[in-house]
Amino acid sequence: MKRLVTLLVAITLVLGATLCTEAQTYFQLSNLEVTGAPTWGGSFLEYNERTGEYSYTGEAPFDPGILMAYSGQVLKATCEVTNISAQAGEVAVNLYVDGIVAESRMVSVDASGTVEVEFEFGYSRPGDHNVTIGNLTPRSIKVADAIWNAKLIDLKFDEGGGLTAKDSSGFGFDVEIQNPEWVEGYSGYALNFTKKYPASATLMQPAPDFSEDSFVDLPFGPNDVGKTGSFSFWYMPNWSTDDWYSGSRYQHVLVEATRKRTGRAFVLADGEEFAWMEFTFEDSADVDFEGETDGTDQPSSEDVRPDVFDKYSVQHKFEAGKWYYITASWKMVDDEVFEDILYINGEKYVHLKQVGAYMGGYDNFRIGLCRAWYWFQGSAEGIIDEFSVIPYVLDDEQARMAYEQASK
């Protein structure tokens, strides 16, 4: 019976290993690949200063080679077996899970031929593991106990002081905090984000000086995470929906990854008459994927294909001084169809599906403040705690379970 193991990133190794049978038939193993989970690092669009256009450059520039998986996830390990002899033959090919043979298979290969061998496996036990085929170089795998805990970064904000927030994911993505204001959090300590720039600033004025504002920059952005991903955090607003002041049109930016020159990707509180939560991505063709908790089902752009477009939106109101658990997910279904999903306290409030070119060229995630000064985007105006990123999209049940675990 196959042992169960798991992983999150597809990585190819071009290392060879030669096996010899008793009949002096020689075989070479190569190209170990582990799949079954999203690949860290997505498409990347680079801005050309001369032409003023974006161009596709392939993979994202940030790729630390991270393999992240969760318990029970089914993975596949494949490699190529090449017969480098002048006669046909067969050879035993072994799948090694944590150094132990988990499965062995006899493989027949014609003279000078190549075949691909595939094994399925998965991990039930969380922790650090490895997998390989034959004597190819093993791949290290970090396995979480649940999909929502397969975290690429996990900021508890429990330091309670200082300029650094420690990453608890095990990957070492500690971050620097600008002008931290430490306060009591949902659990332990947290960071309070309030705007310091003049409230009289307008869109036509130069960008205000943000040097006194609080924010946290992550070392990666949505492009680095890949075509699927989610981030979750606790949020306590210092404002209420019913008290929203529409005259200023300030938006409370909780998390953003504004693209250079144009475009945006963020979660914010917005609205002139009703303060809804908005989860927005903008693609390379300047098409907005805007999912709002405004209770409407209207397309967010005129060029939406009716055969693809679908929007689920439930109205939500916020109360000052109350904690909310936010989970925002994105998913590039194929080269055209994009989805974004927003959960509040484990319940789905937004699910938007529409057509547009793949997102690209975003800056790294920023928590608490928008780095671009347009449409009066301001700070989070509230407290943020326990921020994490995973490279998966949660379904409704998983989002509910993640909220229940975070609430304990």
Foldseek 3Di string as FASTA:
>chain_A
DFAAAWKAAWDWFADKDWDADPVRWIKIKGTKIKDQHYHQWAWAWDADPVVRATDTDGTDPDPPPAIFAEAPGKMKIKIKMFTAAQAKDWDKKFKAKQNHTRDIDIDTAGHRGMDMDMDMHHHRDAAWIWIDMDPDDIDIHGYHHDQVLSFPFKFFLQPQDDQWTFTPNPPTFIWGKQQFDWDQDLDHIFTWWDFDFDLPDDQPDPDTDCNNTIKIFTPAAPSRLYQKKKKKWKWAAQDWFVRDALPSQEKAWFKWFAFPPDWIFGWIFGDRNGTWIWTWGAASVRDIQIWIQPQDFDDPDDPWDPVWWGKAAHHDIHDHPDMKMKMKMKHDPDQWKIWIWIDILLHTGIITITTDGHHHRTHTMMGFADPDDHSNYGGNNTIIGTMTMGSHDDDSVRSNVVSVVVND
